[in-house]
Amino acid sequence: MHTLHTVYDFKDATMHQTYLLPLCFGLIGLYILAYSFGLTTYYIRDLLRFKTRRQAVFFGVVFAALGIGISLLVYNDQNETFNEIKKVYDTGKYLEVEGRVRNYHPSEDQMHDNEHFDVDSVHFSFLDDITYSYGYTRSRFSNTAIRPNLYVRIKYYRNGHRNIILKLETE
């Protein structure tokens, strides 16, 4: 019998906030529009070098529309993905595998190389980038908890093209 401790559990996960960056551009566009129509007193014409009010309005509309539009698209995608995985986790409709880590390949290039390994013929692979997807990734921790021949129990969800680790327990 192996004594296992939890290294990662999806129940503690929150939705990624990547949609906030393009939202900043949308807010800048709204501010430029407010300035163009005299709704704000901060004088930004010289700062952004608008020659006419028409240029400021055009720039403000484009910035606001693109920033807010992209934010909504990213938010919708993140929300849909997160809720799908959360539903699988909450209802217990995930798969489970237990055994020793085999064919372990650590990530050598943290942005482009996948860390991957097998447990009882189930393949797991992930990037170190936390914005890439939900589930366990090495960059959530200072170092990976996975190593060759380590005994693990993994609860995972197959999303169509990869296995997402929802809960990782190790020796």
C-alpha atoms as a PDB file:
ATOM      1  CA  MET A   1       0.000   0.000   0.000  1.00  0.00           C
ATOM      2  CA  HIS A   2       1.326   3.420  -0.979  1.00  0.00           C
ATOM      3  CA  THR A   3       0.874   6.513   1.132  1.00  0.00           C
ATOM      4  CA  LEU A   4      -0.028   9.314  -1.269  1.00  0.00           C
ATOM      5  CA  HIS A   5      -0.301  13.066  -0.770  1.00  0.00           C
ATOM      6  CA  THR A   6      -2.093  15.552  -3.011  1.00  0.00           C
ATOM      7  CA  VAL A   7       0.175  17.754  -5.124  1.00  0.00           C
ATOM      8  CA  TYR A   8      -2.506  19.357  -7.289  1.00  0.00           C
ATOM      9  CA  ASP A   9      -6.303  19.442  -7.127  1.00  0.00           C
ATOM     10  CA  PHE A  10      -8.493  21.198  -9.710  1.00  0.00           C
ATOM     11  CA  LYS A  11     -11.074  22.052  -7.032  1.00  0.00           C
ATOM     12  CA  ASP A  12      -8.747  24.917  -6.017  1.00  0.00           C
ATOM     13  CA  ALA A  13      -8.519  26.271  -9.598  1.00  0.00           C
ATOM     14  CA  THR A  14      -9.962  29.583 -10.728  1.00  0.00           C
ATOM     15  CA  MET A  15     -10.714  30.839 -14.208  1.00  0.00           C
ATOM     16  CA  HIS A  16      -7.747  32.400 -16.008  1.00  0.00           C
ATOM     17  CA  GLN A  17      -7.830  36.182 -16.213  1.00  0.00           C
ATOM     18  CA  THR A  18      -6.214  36.500 -19.664  1.00  0.00           C
ATOM     19  CA  TYR A  19      -9.227  38.417 -21.002  1.00  0.00           C
ATOM     20  CA  LEU A  20      -8.278  41.439 -18.872  1.00  0.00           C
ATOM     21  CA  LEU A  21      -5.318  42.547 -21.015  1.00  0.00           C
ATOM     22  CA  PRO A  22      -7.327  43.349 -24.167  1.00  0.00           C
ATOM     23  CA  LEU A  23      -9.964  44.913 -21.928  1.00  0.00           C
ATOM     24  CA  CYS A  24      -7.365  47.541 -20.941  1.00  0.00           C
ATOM     25  CA  PHE A  25      -7.155  48.596 -24.594  1.00  0.00           C
ATOM     26  CA  GLY A  26     -10.924  48.844 -24.715  1.00  0.00           C
ATOM     27  CA  LEU A  27     -10.906  51.105 -21.669  1.00  0.00           C
ATOM     28  CA  ILE A  28      -8.240  53.315 -23.250  1.00  0.00           C
ATOM     29  CA  GLY A  29     -10.454  53.592 -26.330  1.00  0.00           C
ATOM     30  CA  LEU A  30     -13.446  54.556 -24.191  1.00  0.00           C
ATOM     31  CA  TYR A  31     -11.354  57.179 -22.422  1.00  0.00           C
ATOM     32  CA  ILE A  32     -10.261  58.657 -25.755  1.00  0.00           C
ATOM     33  CA  LEU A  33     -13.913  58.792 -26.815  1.00  0.00           C
ATOM     34  CA  ALA A  34     -14.845  60.496 -23.547  1.00  0.00           C
ATOM     35  CA  TYR A  35     -12.081  63.040 -24.136  1.00  0.00           C
ATOM     36  CA  SER A  36     -13.238  63.595 -27.734  1.00  0.00           C
ATOM     37  CA  PHE A  37     -16.728  64.492 -26.578  1.00  0.00           C
ATOM     38  CA  GLY A  38     -15.539  66.701 -23.717  1.00  0.00           C
ATOM     39  CA  LEU A  39     -16.560  64.308 -20.946  1.00  0.00           C
ATOM     40  CA  THR A  40     -13.135  64.313 -19.308  1.00  0.00           C
ATOM     41  CA  THR A  41     -10.752  67.153 -18.569  1.00  0.00           C
ATOM     42  CA  TYR A  42      -7.414  65.393 -18.919  1.00  0.00           C
ATOM     43  CA  TYR A  43      -5.842  66.788 -22.066  1.00  0.00           C
ATOM     44  CA  ILE A  44      -4.461  63.860 -24.099  1.00  0.00           C
ATOM     45  CA  ARG A  45      -4.480  65.367 -27.595  1.00  0.00           C
ATOM     46  CA  ASP A  46      -0.804  66.324 -27.379  1.00  0.00           C
ATOM     47  CA  LEU A  47       0.074  63.046 -25.701  1.00  0.00           C
ATOM     48  CA  LEU A  48      -1.384  60.926 -28.504  1.00  0.00           C
ATOM     49  CA  ARG A  49      -0.862  63.553 -31.253  1.00  0.00           C
ATOM     50  CA  PHE A  50      -4.392  63.715 -32.621  1.00  0.00           C
ATOM     51  CA  LYS A  51      -4.623  66.526 -35.160  1.00  0.00           C
ATOM     52  CA  THR A  52      -8.417  66.595 -35.238  1.00  0.00           C
ATOM     53  CA  ARG A  53     -11.348  65.512 -33.119  1.00  0.00           C
ATOM     54  CA  ARG A  54     -12.336  63.140 -35.923  1.00  0.00           C
ATOM     55  CA  GLN A  55      -9.019  61.272 -35.584  1.00  0.00           C
ATOM     56  CA  ALA A  56      -9.511  60.948 -31.834  1.00  0.00           C
ATOM     57  CA  VAL A  57     -13.059  59.626 -32.281  1.00  0.00           C
ATOM     58  CA  PHE A  58     -11.952  57.127 -34.936  1.00  0.00           C
ATOM     59  CA  PHE A  59      -9.008  55.933 -32.838  1.00  0.00           C
ATOM     60  CA  GLY A  60     -11.205  55.693 -29.731  1.00  0.00           C
ATOM     61  CA  VAL A  61     -13.921  53.688 -31.512  1.00  0.00           C
ATOM     62  CA  VAL A  62     -11.410  51.279 -33.067  1.00  0.00           C
ATOM     63  CA  PHE A  63      -9.508  50.780 -29.786  1.00  0.00           C
ATOM     64  CA  ALA A  64     -12.697  50.336 -27.758  1.00  0.00           C
ATOM     65  CA  ALA A  65     -14.336  47.964 -30.252  1.00  0.00           C
ATOM     66  CA  LEU A  66     -11.271  45.775 -30.738  1.00  0.00           C
ATOM     67  CA  GLY A  67     -10.285  45.726 -27.057  1.00  0.00           C
ATOM     68  CA  ILE A  68     -13.741  44.969 -25.747  1.00  0.00           C
ATOM     69  CA  GLY A  69     -14.534  42.569 -28.607  1.00  0.00           C
ATOM     70  CA  ILE A  70     -11.367  40.528 -28.124  1.00  0.00           C
ATOM     71  CA  SER A  71     -11.925  40.509 -24.345  1.00  0.00           C
ATOM     72  CA  LEU A  72     -15.428  39.112 -24.816  1.00  0.00           C
ATOM     73  CA  LEU A  73     -14.187  36.406 -27.184  1.00  0.00           C
ATOM     74  CA  VAL A  74     -11.353  35.368 -24.852  1.00  0.00           C
ATOM     75  CA  TYR A  75     -13.631  35.499 -21.795  1.00  0.00           C
ATOM     76  CA  ASN A  76     -16.238  33.345 -23.529  1.00  0.00           C
ATOM     77  CA  ASP A  77     -13.640  30.743 -24.517  1.00  0.00           C
ATOM     78  CA  GLN A  78     -12.028  30.685 -21.054  1.00  0.00           C
ATOM     79  CA  ASN A  79     -15.384  30.521 -19.296  1.00  0.00           C
ATOM     80  CA  GLU A  80     -16.664  27.702 -21.513  1.00  0.00           C
ATOM     81  CA  THR A  81     -13.479  25.649 -21.079  1.00  0.00           C
ATOM     82  CA  PHE A  82     -13.294  26.207 -17.320  1.00  0.00           C
ATOM     83  CA  ASN A  83     -16.961  25.350 -16.767  1.00  0.00           C
ATOM     84  CA  GLU A  84     -16.697  22.203 -18.900  1.00  0.00           C
ATOM     85  CA  ILE A  85     -13.746  20.926 -16.851  1.00  0.00           C
ATOM     86  CA  LYS A  86     -15.339  22.004 -13.555  1.00  0.00           C
ATOM     87  CA  LYS A  87     -18.514  20.090 -14.425  1.00  0.00           C
ATOM     88  CA  VAL A  88     -16.486  16.954 -15.179  1.00  0.00           C
ATOM     89  CA  TYR A  89     -14.612  17.332 -11.880  1.00  0.00           C
ATOM     90  CA  ASP A  90     -17.698  18.107  -9.769  1.00  0.00           C
ATOM     91  CA  THR A  91     -19.738  15.218 -11.201  1.00  0.00           C
ATOM     92  CA  GLY A  92     -16.860  12.740 -10.941  1.00  0.00           C
ATOM     93  CA  LYS A  93     -16.951  11.897 -14.654  1.00  0.00           C
ATOM     94  CA  TYR A  94     -13.178  11.799 -14.916  1.00  0.00           C
ATOM     95  CA  LEU A  95     -10.905   8.838 -15.455  1.00  0.00           C
ATOM     96  CA  GLU A  96      -8.370   7.567 -12.931  1.00  0.00           C
ATOM     97  CA  VAL A  97      -5.033   5.844 -13.347  1.00  0.00           C
ATOM     98  CA  GLU A  98      -2.552   4.647 -10.737  1.00  0.00           C
ATOM     99  CA  GLY A  99       0.966   3.344 -11.150  1.00  0.00           C
ATOM    100  CA  ARG A 100       4.606   4.230 -11.768  1.00  0.00           C
ATOM    101  CA  VAL A 101       5.724   7.065 -14.043  1.00  0.00           C
ATOM    102  CA  ARG A 102       7.283   5.658 -17.229  1.00  0.00           C
ATOM    103  CA  ASN A 103       8.850   7.247 -20.334  1.00  0.00           C
ATOM    104  CA  TYR A 104       9.353  10.526 -18.464  1.00  0.00           C
ATOM    105  CA  HIS A 105      10.594  13.454 -20.567  1.00  0.00           C
ATOM    106  CA  PRO A 106      11.206  16.723 -18.684  1.00  0.00           C
ATOM    107  CA  SER A 107      10.638  20.022 -20.443  1.00  0.00           C
ATOM    108  CA  GLU A 108      13.964  21.405 -21.647  1.00  0.00           C
ATOM    109  CA  ASP A 109      12.563  24.593 -23.194  1.00  0.00           C
ATOM    110  CA  GLN A 110       9.919  25.899 -20.806  1.00  0.00           C
ATOM    111  CA  MET A 111       7.881  27.698 -23.477  1.00  0.00           C
ATOM    112  CA  HIS A 112       7.941  25.242 -26.384  1.00  0.00           C
ATOM    113  CA  ASP A 113       8.810  21.777 -25.119  1.00  0.00           C
ATOM    114  CA  ASN A 114       6.180  19.562 -23.546  1.00  0.00           C
ATOM    115  CA  GLU A 115       6.856  17.656 -20.365  1.00  0.00           C
ATOM    116  CA  HIS A 116       5.387  14.204 -20.900  1.00  0.00           C
ATOM    117  CA  PHE A 117       5.180  10.778 -19.303  1.00  0.00           C
ATOM    118  CA  ASP A 118       3.054   7.631 -19.167  1.00  0.00           C
ATOM    119  CA  VAL A 119       1.284   5.926 -16.292  1.00  0.00           C
ATOM    120  CA  ASP A 120      -0.054   2.435 -16.995  1.00  0.00           C
ATOM    121  CA  SER A 121      -0.149   3.137 -20.785  1.00  0.00           C
ATOM    122  CA  VAL A 122      -1.995   6.483 -20.360  1.00  0.00           C
ATOM    123  CA  HIS A 123      -0.017   9.366 -21.872  1.00  0.00           C
ATOM    124  CA  PHE A 124       0.160  12.811 -20.223  1.00  0.00           C
ATOM    125  CA  SER A 125       1.689  15.885 -21.807  1.00  0.00           C
ATOM    126  CA  PHE A 126       1.636  19.576 -20.909  1.00  0.00           C
ATOM    127  CA  LEU A 127       3.431  22.862 -21.469  1.00  0.00           C
ATOM    128  CA  ASP A 128       4.851  24.869 -18.591  1.00  0.00           C
ATOM    129  CA  ASP A 129       2.691  27.859 -19.474  1.00  0.00           C
ATOM    130  CA  ILE A 130      -0.240  28.300 -17.062  1.00  0.00           C
ATOM    131  CA  THR A 131      -2.241  30.294 -19.600  1.00  0.00           C
ATOM    132  CA  TYR A 132      -2.146  27.343 -22.031  1.00  0.00           C
ATOM    133  CA  SER A 133      -4.811  25.278 -20.350  1.00  0.00           C
ATOM    134  CA  TYR A 134      -6.342  24.161 -17.101  1.00  0.00           C
ATOM    135  CA  GLY A 135      -5.055  21.292 -15.018  1.00  0.00           C
ATOM    136  CA  TYR A 136      -1.663  20.491 -13.544  1.00  0.00           C
ATOM    137  CA  THR A 137       1.356  22.203 -15.114  1.00  0.00           C
ATOM    138  CA  ARG A 138       4.873  22.520 -13.768  1.00  0.00           C
ATOM    139  CA  SER A 139       4.937  26.320 -13.696  1.00  0.00           C
ATOM    140  CA  ARG A 140       2.292  26.361 -10.970  1.00  0.00           C
ATOM    141  CA  PHE A 141       5.068  25.033  -8.771  1.00  0.00           C
ATOM    142  CA  SER A 142       8.737  25.905  -8.422  1.00  0.00           C
ATOM    143  CA  ASN A 143       9.648  22.503  -9.806  1.00  0.00           C
ATOM    144  CA  THR A 144       7.812  19.516 -11.177  1.00  0.00           C
ATOM    145  CA  ALA A 145       6.474  16.959  -8.729  1.00  0.00           C
ATOM    146  CA  ILE A 146       6.818  14.232 -11.347  1.00  0.00           C
ATOM    147  CA  ARG A 147       9.961  12.166 -11.819  1.00  0.00           C
ATOM    148  CA  PRO A 148      10.815   8.777 -13.306  1.00  0.00           C
ATOM    149  CA  ASN A 149       9.513   5.694 -11.483  1.00  0.00           C
ATOM    150  CA  LEU A 150       7.451   7.767  -9.024  1.00  0.00           C
ATOM    151  CA  TYR A 151       4.233   6.100  -7.871  1.00  0.00           C
ATOM    152  CA  VAL A 152       1.258   8.370  -8.688  1.00  0.00           C
ATOM    153  CA  ARG A 153      -2.527   8.410  -8.751  1.00  0.00           C
ATOM    154  CA  ILE A 154      -3.972  10.735 -11.386  1.00  0.00           C
ATOM    155  CA  LYS A 155      -7.559  11.776 -11.967  1.00  0.00           C
ATOM    156  CA  TYR A 156      -7.825  13.134 -15.479  1.00  0.00           C
ATOM    157  CA  TYR A 157     -10.170  14.255 -18.215  1.00  0.00           C
ATOM    158  CA  ARG A 158      -9.690  13.546 -21.917  1.00  0.00           C
ATOM    159  CA  ASN A 159     -10.766  16.749 -23.721  1.00  0.00           C
ATOM    160  CA  GLY A 160     -10.454  15.328 -27.214  1.00  0.00           C
ATOM    161  CA  HIS A 161      -6.762  15.834 -27.850  1.00  0.00           C
ATOM    162  CA  ARG A 162      -4.989  15.525 -24.516  1.00  0.00           C
ATOM    163  CA  ASN A 163      -5.382  14.283 -20.954  1.00  0.00           C
ATOM    164  CA  ILE A 164      -5.896  17.115 -18.466  1.00  0.00           C
ATOM    165  CA  ILE A 165      -4.658  16.274 -14.970  1.00  0.00           C
ATOM    166  CA  LEU A 166      -7.393  17.227 -12.500  1.00  0.00           C
ATOM    167  CA  LYS A 167      -5.840  15.710  -9.412  1.00  0.00           C
ATOM    168  CA  LEU A 168      -2.284  14.504  -8.872  1.00  0.00           C
ATOM    169  CA  GLU A 169      -1.280  12.458  -5.867  1.00  0.00           C
ATOM    170  CA  THR A 170       2.293  11.219  -5.374  1.00  0.00           C
ATOM    171  CA  GLU A 171       4.314   9.079  -2.928  1.00  0.00           C
END
